[in-house]
Amino acid sequence: MKRTMLSLLVATVFSMAVMAEEIGNKSDDVLMAYANIATDNYALVLEDVIALEKAVKAFTSKPTKEGLDHAKTAWLRSRESYGQTEIFRLVEGPIDAQEGWVYEMYGGVEGELNAWPLDENMIDYMIDAKGQKTANNIIDTQGIFTPQGMDSKGVDVRAITVESLTALNENGGNANVATGYHAVEFLLWGQDQDYANFVKDTVSHGATTAGQRPVSDYTSDAHALRRIAYLNVVTQKLVQDVRSVNLGWSRVLSSDCSKDASGCYRAALLGLLEGKDSDKNIKRTDFLKILLSSMGVFMKSELANERIAVAVLTPSEEDEHSCFSDNTHRDIAMNYQGFKNVLSSSYEGKIYGVSLLDAMDMKSKEKLLKLMGKIEKRIAKIDALARTTEHFDYQIQPDNKNARRIVTLKNQMRKLGDMMVIVATANGINLSVDDVTDAQETQL
């Protein structure tokens, strides 16, 4: 009898494991493909930021130019994976939920991970428009630091900690960025912007030269130890924040979401939560609508408008995404790739299942793919020029013929964002152009 019961138990467990595997690998559902791409993408991001933290620790333990260069390389690598996750924003998911149980579990840390542009003068010194080295920043302050801006609050920075930097992030204004990728970037590369002239370059000297922070900032400078502390802490927080988002997309599901957030968002998205957690399940049609509208908003209002148009039409390298490292060409390429990943249900060369494109009629699909082909050629051109001839901050200058090409790219991306209305219709979702446009996008 005991042997029979044991056999039944083993068979039941095996059956449940097979069923779980089948659910995890289901390929006939767009949301399953979306969830699996997010899970795999964020897992790689976590791996990359852990490698970045390791490189930063190695550099700060014994600062050398070789160590600084290695840390820079690790930062650049981490941006390749993170850039593709930007498409998972704007759906009230673990990365940027503003309220409700998702926010309570995962914190909505996007503003602490990738906020930009930042006022670098808040973090550390820079050379101002008069050619003078600025002061009164977090690093050179030994007591209470109060950011500029309305309703800013003073924070004790005698010890630079995760808590103090978190309290300072966007304290008093959106540009008061104290944490995230771009804070790390500034601490590694230093200033690349000539504030005396938005076109003439007298800081980093050259169309293919990014910020040139000296190693002496971490060795002989009066504030070297404070700078080392800041770089270590801000990188530590970066890992913590990515780990929090990654938790929501885990394939390992908690048995009680009120006690353990592991995999709870992913399961809710797929309607797999049971018992007292079942009320957290997200209705499929509701999510498809917010997903499709968010993809349009991201492509049209965020990538095309805020990240490209603002920089090229101003023109201002201060408004390019990775202005210290001159890595903006890769930001654009990876942000677009993330959009394409979700649209085509593919990632890293692997097809994850049925895609949003599959429901489209042939004529509409061909029109969409033709536009995407044009966009991809322009992105490739920007990327190739940035790698060989001139970084994005030179390409956007008014007398540069490529600036016109970048404006055309912006316009094509906005059209692609609008075409998400057609994609939505094909997938049984009703959207308007207003639904794929951020009403608060910068007007140029």
Protein backbone atom coordinates (compact mmCIF):
# COMPACT_ATOMS: atom_id res chain seq x y z
CA MET A 1 0.00 0.00 0.00
CA LYS A 2 2.77 2.41 0.96
CA ARG A 3 4.63 1.53 -2.23
CA THR A 4 1.51 2.22 -4.33
CA MET A 5 0.87 5.58 -2.67
CA LEU A 6 4.50 6.54 -3.15
CA SER A 7 4.28 5.59 -6.81
CA LEU A 8 1.14 7.69 -7.22
CA LEU A 9 2.82 10.61 -5.49
CA VAL A 10 5.87 10.39 -7.75
CA ALA A 11 3.62 10.14 -10.82
CA THR A 12 1.61 13.17 -9.70
CA VAL A 13 4.73 15.27 -9.05
CA PHE A 14 6.12 14.22 -12.42
CA SER A 15 2.85 15.11 -14.12
CA MET A 16 2.81 18.53 -12.46
CA ALA A 17 6.42 19.15 -13.49
CA VAL A 18 5.62 18.24 -17.11
CA MET A 19 2.55 20.49 -17.06
CA ALA A 20 4.61 23.36 -15.64
CA GLU A 21 7.23 22.83 -18.33
CA GLU A 22 4.58 22.80 -21.04
CA ILE A 23 3.12 26.05 -19.69
CA GLY A 24 6.58 27.61 -19.52
CA ASN A 25 7.37 26.63 -23.09
CA LYS A 26 3.96 27.24 -24.65
CA SER A 27 4.58 28.75 -28.09
CA ASP A 28 1.09 29.59 -29.32
CA ASP A 29 0.54 32.64 -27.18
CA VAL A 30 1.92 36.17 -27.70
CA LEU A 31 1.98 36.93 -23.97
CA MET A 32 3.90 33.76 -23.19
CA ALA A 33 6.54 34.76 -25.74
CA TYR A 34 6.60 38.29 -24.28
CA ALA A 35 7.04 36.96 -20.75
CA ASN A 36 9.79 34.55 -21.75
CA ILE A 37 11.71 37.27 -23.60
CA ALA A 38 11.45 39.59 -20.58
CA THR A 39 12.58 36.81 -18.25
CA ASP A 40 15.63 35.95 -20.36
CA ASN A 41 16.52 39.57 -21.11
CA TYR A 42 16.41 40.70 -17.47
CA ALA A 43 18.39 37.62 -16.41
CA LEU A 44 21.17 38.72 -18.77
CA VAL A 45 20.96 42.30 -17.47
CA LEU A 46 21.47 41.03 -13.92
CA GLU A 47 24.45 38.97 -15.03
CA ASP A 48 25.96 42.02 -16.74
CA VAL A 49 25.50 44.46 -13.83
CA ILE A 50 27.01 41.94 -11.44
CA ALA A 51 30.03 41.82 -13.77
CA LEU A 52 30.06 45.64 -13.77
CA GLU A 53 30.03 45.71 -9.96
CA LYS A 54 32.93 43.26 -9.90
CA ALA A 55 34.92 45.44 -12.33
CA VAL A 56 34.19 48.57 -10.29
CA LYS A 57 35.30 46.88 -7.07
CA ALA A 58 38.53 45.75 -8.74
CA PHE A 59 39.20 49.28 -10.00
CA THR A 60 38.40 51.09 -6.75
CA SER A 61 40.45 48.67 -4.64
CA LYS A 62 43.54 49.68 -6.62
CA PRO A 63 42.80 52.49 -9.11
CA THR A 64 44.75 52.24 -12.37
CA LYS A 65 44.01 53.29 -15.92
CA GLU A 66 43.73 49.65 -16.92
CA GLY A 67 41.18 49.07 -14.15
CA LEU A 68 39.21 52.15 -15.18
CA ASP A 69 39.14 51.00 -18.79
CA HIS A 70 37.96 47.56 -17.72
CA ALA A 71 35.13 49.11 -15.67
CA LYS A 72 34.14 51.23 -18.68
CA THR A 73 34.02 48.15 -20.88
CA ALA A 74 31.81 46.38 -18.34
CA TRP A 75 29.46 49.39 -18.26
CA LEU A 76 29.21 49.42 -22.05
CA ARG A 77 28.46 45.69 -22.09
CA SER A 78 25.75 46.10 -19.47
CA ARG A 79 24.05 48.75 -21.59
CA GLU A 80 23.71 46.32 -24.50
CA SER A 81 21.43 44.04 -22.50
CA TYR A 82 19.65 46.73 -20.50
CA GLY A 83 18.87 48.83 -23.58
CA GLN A 84 16.70 46.06 -24.96
CA THR A 85 14.58 45.94 -21.78
CA GLU A 86 13.37 49.51 -22.16
CA ILE A 87 10.42 48.20 -24.17
CA PHE A 88 9.11 46.51 -21.01
CA ARG A 89 8.38 49.91 -19.50
CA LEU A 90 5.06 51.78 -19.61
CA VAL A 91 2.92 48.74 -18.80
CA GLU A 92 2.87 49.17 -15.00
CA GLY A 93 5.21 46.20 -14.66
CA PRO A 94 8.01 45.57 -12.12
CA ILE A 95 10.28 48.19 -13.70
CA ASP A 96 8.00 51.23 -13.42
CA ALA A 97 4.66 50.47 -11.72
CA GLN A 98 3.46 53.55 -9.85
CA GLU A 99 0.89 51.98 -7.56
CA GLY A 100 -0.85 48.78 -6.52
CA TRP A 101 0.58 45.40 -5.64
CA VAL A 102 3.16 45.42 -8.42
CA TYR A 103 4.66 48.65 -7.08
CA GLU A 104 4.53 47.39 -3.51
CA MET A 105 6.41 44.22 -4.46
CA TYR A 106 9.02 45.55 -6.87
CA GLY A 107 9.32 49.27 -6.17
CA GLY A 108 9.06 50.77 -9.66
CA VAL A 109 12.79 51.54 -9.78
CA GLU A 110 13.09 52.73 -13.40
CA GLY A 111 13.68 56.33 -12.30
CA GLU A 112 16.54 55.14 -10.13
CA LEU A 113 17.99 52.88 -12.83
CA ASN A 114 17.97 54.89 -16.03
CA ALA A 115 16.91 58.49 -15.32
CA TRP A 116 18.47 61.10 -17.65
CA PRO A 117 19.59 63.67 -18.50
CA LEU A 118 21.32 64.30 -15.19
CA ASP A 119 22.83 67.43 -13.70
CA GLU A 120 26.34 66.11 -13.24
CA ASN A 121 27.24 69.14 -11.14
CA MET A 122 25.06 67.67 -8.38
CA ILE A 123 27.25 64.56 -8.17
CA ASP A 124 30.80 65.80 -8.80
CA TYR A 125 32.82 68.66 -10.24
CA MET A 126 32.70 69.74 -13.87
CA ILE A 127 34.21 72.56 -15.90
CA ASP A 128 31.59 75.27 -16.34
CA ALA A 129 31.03 77.79 -19.16
CA LYS A 130 33.67 80.07 -17.64
CA GLY A 131 36.25 77.33 -17.60
CA GLN A 132 36.11 77.01 -13.82
CA LYS A 133 35.93 73.83 -11.78
CA THR A 134 32.59 73.71 -9.96
CA ALA A 135 32.09 72.78 -6.31
CA ASN A 136 29.35 72.17 -3.71
CA ASN A 137 28.32 68.71 -4.92
CA ILE A 138 27.56 65.44 -3.15
CA ILE A 139 31.16 64.23 -3.32
CA ASP A 140 32.79 67.36 -1.88
CA THR A 141 30.11 67.88 0.79
CA GLN A 142 30.87 66.40 4.20
CA GLY A 143 27.58 67.19 5.92
CA ILE A 144 24.04 67.96 4.74
CA PHE A 145 23.67 68.26 1.00
CA THR A 146 20.59 70.07 -0.34
CA PRO A 147 20.01 69.81 -4.10
CA GLN A 148 18.90 72.81 -6.11
CA GLY A 149 15.25 72.96 -7.14
CA MET A 150 11.81 73.46 -5.68
CA ASP A 151 10.89 71.56 -2.53
CA SER A 152 14.32 69.90 -2.33
CA LYS A 153 15.24 68.34 0.99
CA GLY A 154 18.65 68.16 2.62
CA VAL A 155 20.25 64.73 3.04
CA ASP A 156 23.13 63.79 5.34
CA VAL A 157 25.98 62.61 3.09
CA ARG A 158 28.73 62.31 5.67
CA ALA A 159 28.51 58.66 4.74
CA ILE A 160 27.64 57.88 1.12
CA THR A 161 25.15 55.03 1.33
CA VAL A 162 22.45 53.41 -0.79
CA GLU A 163 19.90 55.15 1.43
CA SER A 164 21.40 58.63 1.08
CA LEU A 165 21.78 58.38 -2.70
CA THR A 166 18.24 57.03 -3.04
CA ALA A 167 16.96 59.97 -1.00
CA LEU A 168 18.81 62.40 -3.27
CA ASN A 169 17.69 60.88 -6.57
CA GLU A 170 15.33 63.34 -8.32
CA ASN A 171 15.14 65.27 -5.03
CA GLY A 172 14.05 68.76 -6.07
CA GLY A 173 13.76 68.01 -9.80
CA ASN A 174 13.94 65.34 -12.50
CA ALA A 175 17.49 66.35 -13.48
CA ASN A 176 18.75 65.81 -9.94
CA VAL A 177 19.79 62.26 -10.71
CA ALA A 178 22.02 60.64 -8.11
CA THR A 179 21.72 56.95 -8.99
CA GLY A 180 21.55 54.59 -11.95
CA TYR A 181 23.47 53.81 -15.11
CA HIS A 182 24.18 57.42 -16.01
CA ALA A 183 25.50 58.34 -12.58
CA VAL A 184 27.92 55.40 -12.91
CA GLU A 185 28.72 56.54 -16.45
CA PHE A 186 29.62 60.07 -15.30
CA LEU A 187 31.83 58.75 -12.51
CA LEU A 188 33.71 56.56 -15.00
CA TRP A 189 34.03 58.91 -17.99
CA GLY A 190 33.59 62.38 -16.57
CA GLN A 191 32.39 65.39 -18.51
CA ASP A 192 32.15 65.37 -22.31
CA GLN A 193 30.12 68.56 -22.76
CA ASP A 194 31.72 71.96 -23.42
CA TYR A 195 29.39 74.31 -21.57
CA ALA A 196 30.95 77.39 -23.14
CA ASN A 197 29.76 76.32 -26.58
CA PHE A 198 27.26 73.60 -27.55
CA VAL A 199 29.04 73.01 -30.87
CA LYS A 200 32.75 73.72 -30.35
CA ASP A 201 34.51 70.95 -28.45
CA THR A 202 37.22 72.11 -26.03
CA VAL A 203 36.67 69.48 -23.35
CA SER A 204 37.26 66.05 -24.85
CA HIS A 205 38.88 67.30 -28.09
CA GLY A 206 37.72 65.16 -30.95
CA ALA A 207 34.82 63.67 -32.86
CA THR A 208 35.58 60.19 -31.55
CA THR A 209 36.67 61.08 -28.00
CA ALA A 210 34.32 60.64 -25.06
CA GLY A 211 34.78 61.93 -21.51
CA GLN A 212 38.34 61.66 -20.21
CA ARG A 213 38.11 61.46 -16.42
CA PRO A 214 41.67 61.14 -15.06
CA VAL A 215 42.61 58.22 -12.81
CA SER A 216 43.99 60.84 -10.40
CA ASP A 217 40.35 61.58 -9.46
CA TYR A 218 40.51 58.21 -7.68
CA THR A 219 44.07 58.40 -6.36
CA SER A 220 45.59 61.81 -5.51
CA ASP A 221 42.56 64.10 -5.70
CA ALA A 222 41.39 65.60 -2.40
CA HIS A 223 38.03 63.86 -2.73
CA ALA A 224 39.31 60.54 -4.13
CA LEU A 225 38.02 58.44 -1.24
CA ARG A 226 34.57 60.04 -1.43
CA ARG A 227 34.49 59.41 -5.18
CA ILE A 228 35.48 55.78 -4.65
CA ALA A 229 32.72 55.40 -2.08
CA TYR A 230 30.15 56.95 -4.41
CA LEU A 231 31.10 54.74 -7.36
CA ASN A 232 30.96 51.59 -5.24
CA VAL A 233 27.63 52.45 -3.62
CA VAL A 234 25.88 53.59 -6.81
CA THR A 235 26.95 50.39 -8.57
CA GLN A 236 25.79 48.31 -5.61
CA LYS A 237 22.39 49.99 -5.82
CA LEU A 238 22.26 49.36 -9.56
CA VAL A 239 22.61 45.63 -8.90
CA GLN A 240 19.96 45.74 -6.15
CA ASP A 241 17.47 47.51 -8.41
CA VAL A 242 17.99 45.16 -11.34
CA ARG A 243 17.68 42.21 -8.99
CA SER A 244 14.32 43.55 -7.79
CA VAL A 245 12.94 43.81 -11.34
CA ASN A 246 14.42 40.44 -12.27
CA LEU A 247 12.59 38.88 -9.31
CA GLY A 248 9.23 39.78 -10.81
CA TRP A 249 10.07 37.97 -14.05
CA SER A 250 11.50 34.85 -12.41
CA ARG A 251 10.29 31.46 -13.64
CA VAL A 252 10.51 30.28 -10.03
CA LEU A 253 7.08 31.13 -8.63
CA SER A 254 6.49 31.83 -4.96
CA SER A 255 3.84 29.77 -3.19
CA ASP A 256 2.61 32.92 -1.44
CA CYS A 257 3.03 36.30 -3.14
CA SER A 258 2.21 38.15 0.06
CA LYS A 259 5.44 36.80 1.55
CA ASP A 260 7.71 36.24 -1.45
CA ALA A 261 7.54 38.22 -4.72
CA SER A 262 9.45 35.68 -6.80
CA GLY A 263 7.82 35.24 -10.22
CA CYS A 264 4.53 36.75 -9.09
CA TYR A 265 4.28 39.38 -11.82
CA ARG A 266 5.19 36.93 -14.58
CA ALA A 267 2.62 34.44 -13.32
CA ALA A 268 -0.05 37.15 -12.99
CA LEU A 269 0.56 38.23 -16.57
CA LEU A 270 0.04 34.65 -17.72
CA GLY A 271 -3.00 34.09 -15.49
CA LEU A 272 -1.26 31.37 -13.48
CA LEU A 273 -1.74 32.64 -9.93
CA GLU A 274 -4.06 30.54 -7.79
CA GLY A 275 -5.78 30.67 -4.41
CA LYS A 276 -5.63 33.96 -2.55
CA ASP A 277 -3.21 35.36 -5.16
CA SER A 278 -5.58 34.70 -8.09
CA ASP A 279 -7.11 38.18 -7.86
CA LYS A 280 -3.75 39.54 -9.03
CA ASN A 281 -4.02 37.81 -12.40
CA ILE A 282 -4.01 40.32 -15.25
CA LYS A 283 -6.78 40.09 -17.84
CA ARG A 284 -5.31 39.17 -21.21
CA THR A 285 -7.18 41.75 -23.31
CA ASP A 286 -6.42 44.50 -20.81
CA PHE A 287 -2.71 43.76 -20.95
CA LEU A 288 -2.63 43.43 -24.74
CA LYS A 289 -4.13 46.89 -25.00
CA ILE A 290 -1.65 48.49 -22.65
CA LEU A 291 1.21 46.55 -24.26
CA LEU A 292 0.39 47.66 -27.79
CA SER A 293 -0.21 51.27 -26.78
CA SER A 294 3.03 51.30 -24.73
CA MET A 295 5.00 50.02 -27.71
CA GLY A 296 3.65 52.87 -29.81
CA VAL A 297 4.35 55.45 -27.11
CA PHE A 298 7.86 54.11 -26.55
CA MET A 299 8.77 54.16 -30.23
CA LYS A 300 7.06 57.45 -31.09
CA SER A 301 7.22 59.69 -28.03
CA GLU A 302 10.14 58.25 -26.06
CA LEU A 303 12.74 56.96 -28.53
CA ALA A 304 11.94 59.10 -31.58
CA ASN A 305 11.01 62.28 -29.75
CA GLU A 306 12.70 62.50 -26.35
CA ARG A 307 15.87 60.53 -27.11
CA ILE A 308 16.51 61.58 -30.71
CA ALA A 309 14.51 64.67 -31.72
CA VAL A 310 15.31 66.71 -28.60
CA ALA A 311 19.03 66.14 -29.09
CA VAL A 312 19.23 66.74 -32.86
CA LEU A 313 16.74 69.61 -33.14
CA THR A 314 18.04 71.61 -30.18
CA PRO A 315 20.89 70.66 -30.90
CA SER A 316 22.38 69.66 -27.57
CA GLU A 317 24.69 66.82 -26.66
CA GLU A 318 23.52 67.33 -23.08
CA ASP A 319 20.25 65.75 -24.24
CA GLU A 320 21.78 62.68 -25.86
CA HIS A 321 21.19 59.58 -23.80
CA SER A 322 24.73 58.48 -22.91
CA CYS A 323 26.53 61.80 -23.29
CA PHE A 324 29.57 61.07 -21.08
CA SER A 325 30.59 57.81 -22.77
CA ASP A 326 29.28 58.79 -26.22
CA ASN A 327 27.37 55.52 -26.32
CA THR A 328 24.11 57.03 -27.57
CA HIS A 329 24.35 55.23 -30.94
CA ARG A 330 24.15 51.93 -29.05
CA ASP A 331 21.28 53.16 -26.87
CA ILE A 332 19.28 53.91 -30.01
CA ALA A 333 20.16 50.57 -31.61
CA MET A 334 19.36 48.52 -28.50
CA ASN A 335 16.15 50.40 -27.67
CA TYR A 336 14.93 49.75 -31.20
CA GLN A 337 16.04 46.12 -30.98
CA GLY A 338 13.99 45.67 -27.82
CA PHE A 339 10.92 46.97 -29.64
CA LYS A 340 11.60 44.58 -32.52
CA ASN A 341 12.11 41.69 -30.09
CA VAL A 342 8.63 42.11 -28.65
CA LEU A 343 6.96 42.81 -31.99
CA SER A 344 8.47 39.69 -33.57
CA SER A 345 8.53 37.45 -30.44
CA SER A 346 12.26 36.88 -30.84
CA TYR A 347 15.37 37.47 -28.77
CA GLU A 348 19.06 36.80 -29.35
CA GLY A 349 18.29 35.09 -32.65
CA LYS A 350 15.70 32.73 -31.15
CA ILE A 351 12.01 32.66 -32.05
CA TYR A 352 9.92 32.51 -28.87
CA GLY A 353 6.57 31.75 -30.46
CA VAL A 354 3.63 33.44 -32.14
CA SER A 355 4.15 37.18 -32.64
CA LEU A 356 2.01 40.27 -32.94
CA LEU A 357 2.97 40.37 -36.61
CA ASP A 358 1.43 36.98 -37.34
CA ALA A 359 -2.13 38.32 -37.07
CA MET A 360 -1.56 41.04 -39.68
CA ASP A 361 -2.72 40.80 -43.28
CA MET A 362 0.05 40.49 -45.86
CA LYS A 363 -0.25 44.02 -47.27
CA SER A 364 -0.12 45.75 -43.88
CA LYS A 365 2.68 43.52 -42.69
CA GLU A 366 4.78 44.23 -45.80
CA LYS A 367 4.27 47.96 -45.32
CA LEU A 368 5.34 47.73 -41.69
CA LEU A 369 8.41 45.61 -42.43
CA LYS A 370 9.43 47.94 -45.26
CA LEU A 371 9.37 50.91 -42.87
CA MET A 372 11.33 48.94 -40.28
CA GLY A 373 13.92 48.09 -42.93
CA LYS A 374 14.44 51.79 -43.65
CA ILE A 375 14.75 52.55 -39.95
CA GLU A 376 17.28 49.77 -39.46
CA LYS A 377 19.46 51.08 -42.30
CA ARG A 378 19.55 54.54 -40.74
CA ILE A 379 20.35 53.16 -37.29
CA ALA A 380 23.16 51.10 -38.83
CA LYS A 381 24.53 54.25 -40.49
CA ILE A 382 24.52 56.19 -37.22
CA ASP A 383 26.17 53.25 -35.48
CA ALA A 384 28.87 52.81 -38.13
CA LEU A 385 29.74 56.53 -38.13
CA ALA A 386 29.89 56.64 -34.34
CA ARG A 387 32.27 53.67 -34.25
CA THR A 388 34.62 55.01 -36.92
CA THR A 389 34.29 58.70 -37.72
CA GLU A 390 32.15 60.81 -35.39
CA HIS A 391 30.14 60.18 -32.27
CA PHE A 392 26.45 61.03 -32.06
CA ASP A 393 27.23 64.43 -30.48
CA TYR A 394 29.01 65.44 -33.70
CA GLN A 395 26.42 63.87 -35.98
CA ILE A 396 23.68 66.11 -34.53
CA GLN A 397 25.52 69.38 -35.15
CA PRO A 398 23.62 71.74 -37.51
CA ASP A 399 26.28 71.77 -40.24
CA ASN A 400 26.55 67.98 -40.33
CA LYS A 401 24.69 66.39 -43.24
CA ASN A 402 23.93 63.36 -41.08
CA ALA A 403 21.79 65.54 -38.79
CA ARG A 404 19.16 65.60 -41.54
CA ARG A 405 19.31 61.80 -41.76
CA ILE A 406 18.76 61.59 -38.02
CA VAL A 407 15.72 63.85 -38.31
CA THR A 408 14.40 61.53 -41.03
CA LEU A 409 14.99 58.56 -38.72
CA LYS A 410 13.00 60.33 -36.04
CA ASN A 411 10.11 60.88 -38.44
CA GLN A 412 10.16 57.25 -39.58
CA MET A 413 10.13 56.03 -35.99
CA ARG A 414 7.12 58.21 -35.25
CA LYS A 415 5.32 56.64 -38.20
CA LEU A 416 6.24 53.22 -36.85
CA GLY A 417 4.75 54.17 -33.50
CA ASP A 418 1.52 55.19 -35.23
CA MET A 419 1.44 51.88 -37.10
CA MET A 420 0.99 50.09 -33.79
CA VAL A 421 -2.67 51.09 -34.18
CA ILE A 422 -2.82 48.79 -37.22
CA VAL A 423 -0.97 46.02 -35.38
CA ALA A 424 -3.43 46.37 -32.51
CA THR A 425 -6.44 46.10 -34.82
CA ALA A 426 -5.04 42.91 -36.34
CA ASN A 427 -4.74 41.49 -32.83
CA GLY A 428 -8.30 42.38 -31.85
CA ILE A 429 -7.44 45.54 -29.91
CA ASN A 430 -8.92 48.95 -30.66
CA LEU A 431 -6.43 51.86 -30.39
CA SER A 432 -6.26 55.40 -31.74
CA VAL A 433 -3.23 57.53 -32.63
CA ASP A 434 -3.73 59.35 -29.32
CA ASP A 435 -3.28 56.02 -27.53
CA VAL A 436 0.20 55.63 -29.00
CA THR A 437 1.28 59.21 -28.27
CA ASP A 438 2.44 60.59 -24.94
CA ALA A 439 0.36 63.72 -24.40
CA GLN A 440 3.27 65.19 -22.41
CA GLU A 441 5.98 64.61 -25.01
CA THR A 442 8.36 67.52 -25.59
CA GLN A 443 7.02 69.87 -28.25
CA LEU A 444 9.72 70.97 -30.69
